[in-house]
Amino acid sequence: MHLSPLKPLLLLLLSGAFLHAQNPKVYEDYNALLAQKQTVATQPSVYVNKKYGYQMAVPPWLDLQNTGDERVAGGLLPRVSGIQNAVAVKASDKREFPDFNAYIDFVYGANEAGKPMKMSPNMTWEGGQEVSGAAHPTYEVFIKARNLIYHCRFVLMETPKAYLLIDLWATESTYFQNLDRFKEFLAGVKPLAP
């Protein structure tokens, strides 16, 4: 009977500990984030890239990868039918393009079916279409690389310092099965305030 007054306090302390555990740890160093994800994969994390002006929430299911390029952050999705698809944020310095429309043209608009892609000449553009109703310019595209056709989703975003390509690379058989995870990943990518 003497424990009953402690029950509300215990619940309050436990709920506070739970809420504290759900607060994401913020990383400005991608390599430190990679090291943390290898040891504590379920802790919510946020990568903040001040150079390119964005933040990226890292879902616990994302197998974060070392891309070897400071402009690219991302990883692999859980396997679907034995296949792992990839998501990434790819940053381009704003000074490389006259404006956002020029960047959109570089990534999407200037490509021709059956010809090398403007942004990746070692890959062939097979076609694409704009996805209507999206908050940012969004495209469903098909790309041929290493003799395989990839079904991709490209979302373009502007930050104060960069233009971002947030993408999903999938096979035709896994694209729609991974689209919800991509949307979850995309929701965690946000420009930093200037």
N, C-alpha and C. Protein backbone atom coordinates (compact mmCIF):
# COMPACT_ATOMS: atom_id res chain seq x y z
N MET A 1 0.80 -1.19 0.00
CA MET A 1 0.00 0.00 0.00
C MET A 1 0.84 1.25 0.00
N HIS A 2 1.99 1.19 0.54
CA HIS A 2 2.84 2.36 0.60
C HIS A 2 3.46 2.67 -0.77
N LEU A 3 3.41 1.74 -1.70
CA LEU A 3 4.00 1.96 -3.02
C LEU A 3 3.07 2.72 -3.97
N SER A 4 1.79 2.76 -3.68
CA SER A 4 0.86 3.39 -4.62
C SER A 4 1.18 4.85 -4.91
N PRO A 5 1.61 5.69 -3.94
CA PRO A 5 1.95 7.07 -4.29
C PRO A 5 3.17 7.13 -5.23
N LEU A 6 4.00 6.11 -5.22
CA LEU A 6 5.18 6.11 -6.08
C LEU A 6 4.85 5.73 -7.52
N LYS A 7 3.73 5.04 -7.72
CA LYS A 7 3.39 4.57 -9.05
C LYS A 7 3.31 5.72 -10.07
N PRO A 8 2.60 6.83 -9.79
CA PRO A 8 2.58 7.93 -10.77
C PRO A 8 3.98 8.50 -11.03
N LEU A 9 4.81 8.59 -9.99
CA LEU A 9 6.17 9.10 -10.16
C LEU A 9 6.99 8.16 -11.02
N LEU A 10 6.86 6.85 -10.77
CA LEU A 10 7.56 5.86 -11.57
C LEU A 10 7.14 5.94 -13.04
N LEU A 11 5.86 6.04 -13.27
CA LEU A 11 5.37 6.15 -14.65
C LEU A 11 5.89 7.42 -15.32
N LEU A 12 5.93 8.50 -14.58
CA LEU A 12 6.45 9.75 -15.12
C LEU A 12 7.93 9.62 -15.47
N LEU A 13 8.71 9.02 -14.59
CA LEU A 13 10.13 8.84 -14.85
C LEU A 13 10.36 7.92 -16.04
N LEU A 14 9.62 6.84 -16.11
CA LEU A 14 9.77 5.90 -17.23
C LEU A 14 9.36 6.55 -18.54
N SER A 15 8.28 7.30 -18.54
CA SER A 15 7.85 7.94 -19.78
C SER A 15 8.88 8.99 -20.20
N GLY A 16 9.48 9.69 -19.24
CA GLY A 16 10.53 10.65 -19.56
C GLY A 16 11.75 9.97 -20.15
N ALA A 17 12.12 8.82 -19.60
CA ALA A 17 13.25 8.06 -20.14
C ALA A 17 12.94 7.59 -21.56
N PHE A 18 11.70 7.17 -21.79
CA PHE A 18 11.31 6.71 -23.13
C PHE A 18 11.38 7.86 -24.11
N LEU A 19 10.85 9.03 -23.72
CA LEU A 19 10.87 10.18 -24.61
C LEU A 19 12.29 10.61 -24.89
N HIS A 20 13.15 10.58 -23.88
CA HIS A 20 14.55 10.95 -24.08
C HIS A 20 15.22 9.98 -25.04
N ALA A 21 14.90 8.70 -24.94
CA ALA A 21 15.51 7.71 -25.83
C ALA A 21 15.06 7.90 -27.27
N GLN A 22 13.89 8.52 -27.48
CA GLN A 22 13.39 8.72 -28.83
C GLN A 22 13.94 9.99 -29.48
N ASN A 23 14.57 10.88 -28.70
CA ASN A 23 15.17 12.07 -29.27
C ASN A 23 16.35 11.66 -30.13
N PRO A 24 16.39 12.10 -31.37
CA PRO A 24 17.49 11.67 -32.24
C PRO A 24 18.81 12.30 -31.84
N LYS A 25 19.87 11.56 -32.03
CA LYS A 25 21.21 12.08 -31.83
C LYS A 25 21.61 12.75 -33.14
N VAL A 26 22.16 13.95 -33.06
CA VAL A 26 22.51 14.72 -34.25
C VAL A 26 24.00 14.57 -34.53
N TYR A 27 24.31 14.30 -35.80
CA TYR A 27 25.69 14.12 -36.24
C TYR A 27 25.99 15.09 -37.37
N GLU A 28 27.10 15.80 -37.26
CA GLU A 28 27.56 16.64 -38.35
C GLU A 28 28.69 15.95 -39.11
N ASP A 29 29.19 14.87 -38.57
CA ASP A 29 30.26 14.09 -39.20
C ASP A 29 29.66 12.77 -39.68
N TYR A 30 29.63 12.58 -40.99
CA TYR A 30 29.02 11.38 -41.58
C TYR A 30 29.72 10.11 -41.11
N ASN A 31 31.06 10.15 -40.99
CA ASN A 31 31.80 8.96 -40.54
C ASN A 31 31.46 8.59 -39.10
N ALA A 32 31.24 9.59 -38.24
CA ALA A 32 30.83 9.30 -36.86
C ALA A 32 29.44 8.68 -36.84
N LEU A 33 28.56 9.16 -37.71
CA LEU A 33 27.23 8.58 -37.82
C LEU A 33 27.32 7.13 -38.29
N LEU A 34 28.16 6.86 -39.28
CA LEU A 34 28.35 5.48 -39.76
C LEU A 34 28.82 4.57 -38.62
N ALA A 35 29.78 5.04 -37.84
CA ALA A 35 30.30 4.24 -36.72
C ALA A 35 29.21 3.98 -35.69
N GLN A 36 28.39 5.00 -35.40
CA GLN A 36 27.31 4.83 -34.43
C GLN A 36 26.29 3.83 -34.93
N LYS A 37 25.92 3.91 -36.21
CA LYS A 37 24.89 3.01 -36.76
C LYS A 37 25.37 1.56 -36.73
N GLN A 38 26.67 1.33 -36.77
CA GLN A 38 27.18 -0.04 -36.72
C GLN A 38 27.09 -0.62 -35.31
N THR A 39 27.07 0.26 -34.30
CA THR A 39 27.02 -0.23 -32.92
C THR A 39 25.62 -0.17 -32.31
N VAL A 40 24.86 0.89 -32.62
CA VAL A 40 23.52 1.06 -32.06
C VAL A 40 22.56 1.38 -33.21
N ALA A 41 22.21 0.38 -33.98
CA ALA A 41 21.46 0.59 -35.22
C ALA A 41 20.05 1.14 -35.00
N THR A 42 19.47 0.95 -33.82
CA THR A 42 18.08 1.36 -33.63
C THR A 42 17.93 2.77 -33.06
N GLN A 43 19.03 3.40 -32.64
CA GLN A 43 18.91 4.75 -32.08
C GLN A 43 18.55 5.74 -33.19
N PRO A 44 17.50 6.55 -33.00
CA PRO A 44 17.18 7.55 -34.01
C PRO A 44 18.34 8.52 -34.17
N SER A 45 18.68 8.82 -35.43
CA SER A 45 19.81 9.69 -35.72
C SER A 45 19.42 10.67 -36.81
N VAL A 46 20.10 11.82 -36.77
CA VAL A 46 19.92 12.83 -37.81
C VAL A 46 21.31 13.27 -38.26
N TYR A 47 21.52 13.26 -39.55
CA TYR A 47 22.76 13.76 -40.14
C TYR A 47 22.52 15.19 -40.59
N VAL A 48 23.38 16.11 -40.14
CA VAL A 48 23.28 17.51 -40.52
C VAL A 48 24.48 17.86 -41.38
N ASN A 49 24.22 18.24 -42.62
CA ASN A 49 25.29 18.62 -43.54
C ASN A 49 25.22 20.14 -43.72
N LYS A 50 26.06 20.85 -42.96
CA LYS A 50 26.06 22.31 -42.99
C LYS A 50 26.64 22.85 -44.29
N LYS A 51 27.57 22.12 -44.89
CA LYS A 51 28.18 22.58 -46.13
C LYS A 51 27.14 22.73 -47.23
N TYR A 52 26.20 21.76 -47.31
CA TYR A 52 25.18 21.79 -48.35
C TYR A 52 23.80 22.20 -47.83
N GLY A 53 23.70 22.47 -46.54
CA GLY A 53 22.50 23.07 -45.98
C GLY A 53 21.28 22.18 -45.87
N TYR A 54 21.48 20.93 -45.41
CA TYR A 54 20.32 20.05 -45.22
C TYR A 54 20.53 19.13 -44.04
N GLN A 55 19.43 18.54 -43.58
CA GLN A 55 19.49 17.49 -42.58
C GLN A 55 18.76 16.27 -43.11
N MET A 56 19.20 15.10 -42.67
CA MET A 56 18.62 13.84 -43.12
C MET A 56 18.40 12.95 -41.91
N ALA A 57 17.14 12.65 -41.62
CA ALA A 57 16.84 11.68 -40.56
C ALA A 57 17.23 10.30 -41.07
N VAL A 58 17.79 9.49 -40.20
CA VAL A 58 18.23 8.15 -40.58
C VAL A 58 17.29 7.14 -39.94
N PRO A 59 16.37 6.56 -40.73
CA PRO A 59 15.46 5.56 -40.16
C PRO A 59 16.23 4.35 -39.64
N PRO A 60 15.73 3.68 -38.60
CA PRO A 60 16.45 2.54 -38.04
C PRO A 60 16.61 1.39 -39.04
N TRP A 61 15.76 1.30 -40.04
CA TRP A 61 15.83 0.21 -41.01
C TRP A 61 16.86 0.47 -42.12
N LEU A 62 17.39 1.71 -42.20
CA LEU A 62 18.33 2.05 -43.27
C LEU A 62 19.73 1.53 -42.95
N ASP A 63 20.29 0.74 -43.86
CA ASP A 63 21.66 0.25 -43.74
C ASP A 63 22.57 1.32 -44.35
N LEU A 64 22.96 2.27 -43.52
CA LEU A 64 23.75 3.41 -43.95
C LEU A 64 25.06 2.94 -44.58
N GLN A 65 25.46 3.57 -45.68
CA GLN A 65 26.66 3.16 -46.40
C GLN A 65 27.69 4.29 -46.45
N ASN A 66 28.96 3.91 -46.50
CA ASN A 66 30.03 4.87 -46.71
C ASN A 66 30.12 5.09 -48.21
N THR A 67 29.69 6.26 -48.66
CA THR A 67 29.64 6.55 -50.10
C THR A 67 30.99 7.00 -50.66
N GLY A 68 31.89 7.44 -49.78
CA GLY A 68 33.19 7.91 -50.24
C GLY A 68 33.12 9.28 -50.91
N ASP A 69 32.00 9.96 -50.80
CA ASP A 69 31.80 11.26 -51.44
C ASP A 69 31.02 12.14 -50.47
N GLU A 70 31.59 13.27 -50.08
CA GLU A 70 30.92 14.14 -49.10
C GLU A 70 29.61 14.70 -49.61
N ARG A 71 29.38 14.64 -50.93
CA ARG A 71 28.14 15.15 -51.51
C ARG A 71 27.00 14.13 -51.45
N VAL A 72 27.31 12.88 -51.08
CA VAL A 72 26.32 11.81 -51.13
C VAL A 72 26.19 11.14 -49.76
N ALA A 73 24.95 11.03 -49.27
CA ALA A 73 24.67 10.33 -48.01
C ALA A 73 23.47 9.41 -48.27
N GLY A 74 23.55 8.18 -47.81
CA GLY A 74 22.43 7.27 -48.01
C GLY A 74 22.78 5.84 -47.66
N GLY A 75 21.93 4.93 -48.11
CA GLY A 75 22.17 3.54 -47.77
C GLY A 75 21.22 2.59 -48.47
N LEU A 76 21.18 1.38 -47.94
CA LEU A 76 20.39 0.30 -48.51
C LEU A 76 19.13 0.05 -47.70
N LEU A 77 18.06 -0.27 -48.40
CA LEU A 77 16.79 -0.63 -47.75
C LEU A 77 16.81 -2.10 -47.40
N PRO A 78 15.93 -2.54 -46.48
CA PRO A 78 15.85 -3.97 -46.18
C PRO A 78 15.52 -4.77 -47.46
N ARG A 79 16.00 -5.98 -47.50
CA ARG A 79 15.81 -6.84 -48.68
C ARG A 79 14.33 -7.10 -48.94
N VAL A 80 13.98 -7.08 -50.22
CA VAL A 80 12.66 -7.47 -50.70
C VAL A 80 12.91 -8.52 -51.78
N SER A 81 12.41 -9.71 -51.57
CA SER A 81 12.63 -10.81 -52.52
C SER A 81 14.12 -11.00 -52.81
N GLY A 82 14.95 -10.82 -51.77
CA GLY A 82 16.39 -11.02 -51.91
C GLY A 82 17.13 -9.85 -52.54
N ILE A 83 16.45 -8.75 -52.83
CA ILE A 83 17.06 -7.61 -53.50
C ILE A 83 17.08 -6.41 -52.56
N GLN A 84 18.23 -5.73 -52.49
CA GLN A 84 18.33 -4.51 -51.70
C GLN A 84 18.35 -3.31 -52.63
N ASN A 85 17.46 -2.37 -52.39
CA ASN A 85 17.41 -1.13 -53.15
C ASN A 85 18.13 -0.04 -52.36
N ALA A 86 18.43 1.07 -53.03
CA ALA A 86 19.20 2.13 -52.40
C ALA A 86 18.44 3.46 -52.40
N VAL A 87 18.69 4.26 -51.36
CA VAL A 87 18.20 5.63 -51.28
C VAL A 87 19.39 6.52 -50.95
N ALA A 88 19.33 7.76 -51.44
CA ALA A 88 20.44 8.67 -51.17
C ALA A 88 20.01 10.11 -51.32
N VAL A 89 20.80 10.98 -50.69
CA VAL A 89 20.71 12.41 -50.91
C VAL A 89 22.02 12.79 -51.59
N LYS A 90 21.90 13.43 -52.76
CA LYS A 90 23.07 13.83 -53.53
C LYS A 90 23.03 15.35 -53.69
N ALA A 91 24.05 16.01 -53.18
CA ALA A 91 24.08 17.47 -53.18
C ALA A 91 24.97 18.01 -54.28
N SER A 92 24.51 19.10 -54.89
CA SER A 92 25.31 19.84 -55.87
C SER A 92 25.36 21.30 -55.43
N ASP A 93 26.55 21.85 -55.41
CA ASP A 93 26.72 23.26 -55.04
C ASP A 93 25.92 24.14 -55.99
N LYS A 94 25.21 25.10 -55.46
CA LYS A 94 24.38 25.99 -56.27
C LYS A 94 25.19 26.74 -57.33
N ARG A 95 26.47 27.00 -57.03
CA ARG A 95 27.30 27.76 -57.97
C ARG A 95 27.58 27.00 -59.27
N GLU A 96 27.28 25.70 -59.29
CA GLU A 96 27.50 24.90 -60.50
C GLU A 96 26.41 25.09 -61.55
N PHE A 97 25.30 25.75 -61.17
CA PHE A 97 24.15 25.92 -62.06
C PHE A 97 23.65 27.35 -61.99
N PRO A 98 23.15 27.89 -63.12
CA PRO A 98 22.63 29.26 -63.09
C PRO A 98 21.43 29.43 -62.15
N ASP A 99 20.57 28.38 -62.06
CA ASP A 99 19.39 28.44 -61.19
C ASP A 99 18.81 27.04 -61.02
N PHE A 100 17.75 26.94 -60.23
CA PHE A 100 17.14 25.64 -59.93
C PHE A 100 16.59 24.98 -61.20
N ASN A 101 16.04 25.77 -62.12
CA ASN A 101 15.52 25.20 -63.37
C ASN A 101 16.63 24.56 -64.20
N ALA A 102 17.82 25.16 -64.19
CA ALA A 102 18.95 24.56 -64.90
C ALA A 102 19.34 23.23 -64.26
N TYR A 103 19.25 23.16 -62.93
CA TYR A 103 19.54 21.90 -62.23
C TYR A 103 18.50 20.84 -62.60
N ILE A 104 17.22 21.22 -62.61
CA ILE A 104 16.16 20.27 -62.99
C ILE A 104 16.40 19.76 -64.41
N ASP A 105 16.79 20.66 -65.30
CA ASP A 105 17.08 20.27 -66.68
C ASP A 105 18.25 19.28 -66.74
N PHE A 106 19.27 19.52 -65.95
CA PHE A 106 20.46 18.65 -65.90
C PHE A 106 20.10 17.26 -65.40
N VAL A 107 19.29 17.18 -64.36
CA VAL A 107 18.93 15.90 -63.76
C VAL A 107 17.87 15.16 -64.57
N TYR A 108 16.90 15.90 -65.08
CA TYR A 108 15.75 15.26 -65.72
C TYR A 108 15.47 15.73 -67.15
N GLY A 109 15.24 17.02 -67.32
CA GLY A 109 14.66 17.54 -68.56
C GLY A 109 15.48 17.37 -69.82
N ALA A 110 16.80 17.46 -69.74
CA ALA A 110 17.64 17.44 -70.95
C ALA A 110 17.98 16.04 -71.43
N ASN A 111 17.47 15.02 -70.78
CA ASN A 111 17.81 13.64 -71.16
C ASN A 111 16.93 13.16 -72.31
N GLU A 112 17.51 12.30 -73.14
CA GLU A 112 16.78 11.71 -74.26
C GLU A 112 16.85 10.19 -74.15
N ALA A 113 15.73 9.55 -74.43
CA ALA A 113 15.66 8.08 -74.36
C ALA A 113 16.73 7.43 -75.23
N GLY A 114 17.40 6.44 -74.64
CA GLY A 114 18.42 5.70 -75.36
C GLY A 114 19.77 6.36 -75.42
N LYS A 115 19.92 7.53 -74.78
CA LYS A 115 21.19 8.27 -74.81
C LYS A 115 21.76 8.38 -73.39
N PRO A 116 23.07 8.64 -73.28
CA PRO A 116 23.68 8.79 -71.96
C PRO A 116 23.01 9.91 -71.16
N MET A 117 22.91 9.69 -69.86
CA MET A 117 22.34 10.70 -68.96
C MET A 117 23.28 11.89 -68.86
N LYS A 118 22.71 13.07 -68.70
CA LYS A 118 23.52 14.28 -68.54
C LYS A 118 24.34 14.24 -67.25
N MET A 119 23.73 13.79 -66.15
CA MET A 119 24.44 13.80 -64.87
C MET A 119 25.31 12.56 -64.68
N SER A 120 25.08 11.50 -65.42
CA SER A 120 25.87 10.26 -65.31
C SER A 120 26.03 9.64 -66.70
N PRO A 121 26.99 10.14 -67.49
CA PRO A 121 27.12 9.69 -68.88
C PRO A 121 27.39 8.19 -69.05
N ASN A 122 27.79 7.50 -67.98
CA ASN A 122 28.01 6.06 -68.07
C ASN A 122 26.71 5.26 -67.93
N MET A 123 25.58 5.96 -67.77
CA MET A 123 24.26 5.32 -67.66
C MET A 123 23.37 5.83 -68.80
N THR A 124 22.42 5.00 -69.20
CA THR A 124 21.54 5.36 -70.31
C THR A 124 20.16 5.72 -69.79
N TRP A 125 19.65 6.85 -70.27
CA TRP A 125 18.31 7.31 -69.93
C TRP A 125 17.31 6.52 -70.75
N GLU A 126 16.36 5.87 -70.10
CA GLU A 126 15.36 5.07 -70.81
C GLU A 126 14.00 5.76 -70.84
N GLY A 127 13.84 6.82 -70.05
CA GLY A 127 12.58 7.56 -70.06
C GLY A 127 12.12 7.90 -68.67
N GLY A 128 11.07 8.71 -68.60
CA GLY A 128 10.53 9.09 -67.30
C GLY A 128 9.33 9.98 -67.44
N GLN A 129 8.73 10.27 -66.29
CA GLN A 129 7.57 11.17 -66.27
C GLN A 129 7.52 11.89 -64.94
N GLU A 130 6.95 13.08 -64.96
CA GLU A 130 6.79 13.85 -63.74
C GLU A 130 5.67 13.25 -62.90
N VAL A 131 5.85 13.24 -61.59
CA VAL A 131 4.82 12.76 -60.66
C VAL A 131 4.05 13.99 -60.20
N SER A 132 2.77 14.03 -60.49
CA SER A 132 1.97 15.21 -60.16
C SER A 132 1.59 15.22 -58.68
N GLY A 133 1.35 16.41 -58.17
CA GLY A 133 0.87 16.57 -56.80
C GLY A 133 1.94 16.49 -55.73
N ALA A 134 3.20 16.44 -56.11
CA ALA A 134 4.28 16.34 -55.11
C ALA A 134 4.69 17.73 -54.63
N ALA A 135 5.22 17.81 -53.42
CA ALA A 135 5.64 19.08 -52.84
C ALA A 135 6.87 19.66 -53.53
N HIS A 136 7.71 18.79 -54.10
CA HIS A 136 8.93 19.19 -54.80
C HIS A 136 8.91 18.55 -56.18
N PRO A 137 9.67 19.08 -57.14
CA PRO A 137 9.73 18.42 -58.44
C PRO A 137 10.11 16.94 -58.28
N THR A 138 9.24 16.06 -58.76
CA THR A 138 9.39 14.62 -58.54
C THR A 138 9.19 13.89 -59.86
N TYR A 139 10.05 12.89 -60.11
CA TYR A 139 10.01 12.18 -61.38
C TYR A 139 10.18 10.68 -61.15
N GLU A 140 9.45 9.91 -61.92
CA GLU A 140 9.61 8.46 -61.96
C GLU A 140 10.39 8.18 -63.24
N VAL A 141 11.56 7.58 -63.11
CA VAL A 141 12.45 7.43 -64.27
C VAL A 141 12.95 5.99 -64.40
N PHE A 142 13.40 5.69 -65.60
CA PHE A 142 13.99 4.38 -65.91
C PHE A 142 15.38 4.62 -66.47
N ILE A 143 16.35 3.92 -65.88
CA ILE A 143 17.75 4.11 -66.24
C ILE A 143 18.39 2.74 -66.46
N LYS A 144 19.21 2.67 -67.51
CA LYS A 144 19.94 1.43 -67.79
C LYS A 144 21.38 1.61 -67.31
N ALA A 145 21.82 0.70 -66.46
CA ALA A 145 23.19 0.70 -65.95
C ALA A 145 23.63 -0.74 -65.76
N ARG A 146 24.83 -1.03 -66.18
CA ARG A 146 25.37 -2.41 -66.07
C ARG A 146 24.40 -3.44 -66.64
N ASN A 147 23.81 -3.12 -67.78
CA ASN A 147 22.88 -4.01 -68.50
C ASN A 147 21.61 -4.34 -67.73
N LEU A 148 21.27 -3.54 -66.73
CA LEU A 148 20.02 -3.70 -66.00
C LEU A 148 19.20 -2.41 -66.11
N ILE A 149 17.89 -2.55 -66.10
CA ILE A 149 17.01 -1.38 -66.10
C ILE A 149 16.57 -1.13 -64.66
N TYR A 150 16.81 0.09 -64.18
CA TYR A 150 16.41 0.48 -62.83
C TYR A 150 15.19 1.39 -62.90
N HIS A 151 14.28 1.16 -61.98
CA HIS A 151 13.07 1.98 -61.83
C HIS A 151 13.37 2.90 -60.66
N CYS A 152 13.43 4.19 -60.91
CA CYS A 152 13.89 5.14 -59.89
C CYS A 152 12.84 6.22 -59.62
N ARG A 153 12.97 6.84 -58.46
CA ARG A 153 12.19 8.02 -58.11
C ARG A 153 13.21 9.11 -57.79
N PHE A 154 13.11 10.24 -58.48
CA PHE A 154 13.98 11.40 -58.25
C PHE A 154 13.13 12.52 -57.67
N VAL A 155 13.56 13.08 -56.55
CA VAL A 155 12.92 14.25 -55.96
C VAL A 155 13.99 15.33 -55.86
N LEU A 156 13.69 16.52 -56.37
CA LEU A 156 14.65 17.61 -56.39
C LEU A 156 14.24 18.66 -55.37
N MET A 157 15.23 19.15 -54.64
CA MET A 157 14.96 20.09 -53.56
C MET A 157 16.05 21.16 -53.55
N GLU A 158 15.69 22.34 -53.11
CA GLU A 158 16.65 23.43 -53.02
C GLU A 158 16.89 23.78 -51.56
N THR A 159 18.16 23.98 -51.20
CA THR A 159 18.53 24.48 -49.87
C THR A 159 19.18 25.84 -50.08
N PRO A 160 19.49 26.56 -49.02
CA PRO A 160 20.17 27.85 -49.21
C PRO A 160 21.53 27.72 -49.90
N LYS A 161 22.15 26.53 -49.83
CA LYS A 161 23.50 26.36 -50.36
C LYS A 161 23.62 25.38 -51.52
N ALA A 162 22.60 24.55 -51.74
CA ALA A 162 22.77 23.47 -52.71
C ALA A 162 21.44 23.08 -53.35
N TYR A 163 21.56 22.31 -54.40
CA TYR A 163 20.42 21.62 -55.00
C TYR A 163 20.59 20.16 -54.63
N LEU A 164 19.51 19.53 -54.21
CA LEU A 164 19.56 18.13 -53.77
C LEU A 164 18.77 17.24 -54.72
N LEU A 165 19.32 16.06 -54.97
CA LEU A 165 18.61 14.98 -55.63
C LEU A 165 18.43 13.90 -54.56
N ILE A 166 17.21 13.65 -54.17
CA ILE A 166 16.90 12.58 -53.22
C ILE A 166 16.32 11.46 -54.07
N ASP A 167 16.95 10.29 -54.05
CA ASP A 167 16.52 9.27 -55.00
C ASP A 167 16.37 7.88 -54.40
N LEU A 168 15.56 7.10 -55.10
CA LEU A 168 15.35 5.68 -54.84
C LEU A 168 15.77 4.96 -56.10
N TRP A 169 16.65 3.99 -55.96
CA TRP A 169 17.04 3.12 -57.08
C TRP A 169 16.53 1.73 -56.75
N ALA A 170 15.71 1.20 -57.65
CA ALA A 170 15.08 -0.11 -57.41
C ALA A 170 14.99 -0.88 -58.71
N THR A 171 14.64 -2.14 -58.59
CA THR A 171 14.33 -2.94 -59.77
C THR A 171 12.84 -2.77 -60.06
N GLU A 172 12.44 -3.19 -61.22
CA GLU A 172 11.02 -3.09 -61.57
C GLU A 172 10.17 -3.89 -60.58
N SER A 173 10.69 -5.03 -60.12
CA SER A 173 9.90 -5.89 -59.23
C SER A 173 9.86 -5.39 -57.79
N THR A 174 10.77 -4.48 -57.40
CA THR A 174 10.81 -4.02 -56.00
C THR A 174 10.46 -2.55 -55.82
N TYR A 175 10.31 -1.82 -56.91
CA TYR A 175 10.06 -0.37 -56.82
C TYR A 175 8.84 -0.04 -55.97
N PHE A 176 7.69 -0.59 -56.31
CA PHE A 176 6.46 -0.23 -55.59
C PHE A 176 6.46 -0.78 -54.17
N GLN A 177 7.16 -1.88 -53.92
CA GLN A 177 7.24 -2.42 -52.56
C GLN A 177 8.09 -1.53 -51.66
N ASN A 178 8.99 -0.74 -52.23
CA ASN A 178 9.85 0.12 -51.44
C ASN A 178 9.47 1.60 -51.47
N LEU A 179 8.43 1.93 -52.19
CA LEU A 179 8.04 3.33 -52.34
C LEU A 179 7.64 3.97 -51.00
N ASP A 180 6.95 3.25 -50.13
CA ASP A 180 6.57 3.81 -48.82
C ASP A 180 7.80 4.08 -47.96
N ARG A 181 8.78 3.20 -47.99
CA ARG A 181 10.01 3.44 -47.23
C ARG A 181 10.75 4.66 -47.79
N PHE A 182 10.74 4.78 -49.12
CA PHE A 182 11.37 5.96 -49.72
C PHE A 182 10.66 7.23 -49.26
N LYS A 183 9.35 7.21 -49.23
CA LYS A 183 8.60 8.39 -48.80
C LYS A 183 8.91 8.72 -47.34
N GLU A 184 9.09 7.71 -46.52
CA GLU A 184 9.49 7.93 -45.12
C GLU A 184 10.87 8.57 -45.06
N PHE A 185 11.81 8.05 -45.86
CA PHE A 185 13.16 8.60 -45.93
C PHE A 185 13.10 10.06 -46.40
N LEU A 186 12.35 10.30 -47.46
CA LEU A 186 12.21 11.64 -48.03
C LEU A 186 11.65 12.62 -47.02
N ALA A 187 10.69 12.21 -46.22
CA ALA A 187 10.11 13.10 -45.21
C ALA A 187 11.13 13.56 -44.19
N GLY A 188 12.21 12.83 -44.02
CA GLY A 188 13.26 13.20 -43.07
C GLY A 188 14.34 14.09 -43.65
N VAL A 189 14.25 14.41 -44.94
CA VAL A 189 15.23 15.30 -45.57
C VAL A 189 14.65 16.70 -45.62
N LYS A 190 15.38 17.64 -44.99
CA LYS A 190 14.86 19.02 -44.89
C LYS A 190 15.99 20.01 -45.07
N PRO A 191 15.71 21.12 -45.75
CA PRO A 191 16.72 22.19 -45.83
C PRO A 191 16.94 22.81 -44.46
N LEU A 192 18.16 23.23 -44.19
CA LEU A 192 18.47 23.98 -42.96
C LEU A 192 18.08 25.44 -43.18
N ALA A 193 17.71 26.10 -42.13
CA ALA A 193 17.40 27.54 -42.22
C ALA A 193 18.67 28.29 -42.60
N PRO A 194 18.53 29.35 -43.42
CA PRO A 194 19.73 30.11 -43.84
C PRO A 194 20.42 30.78 -42.67
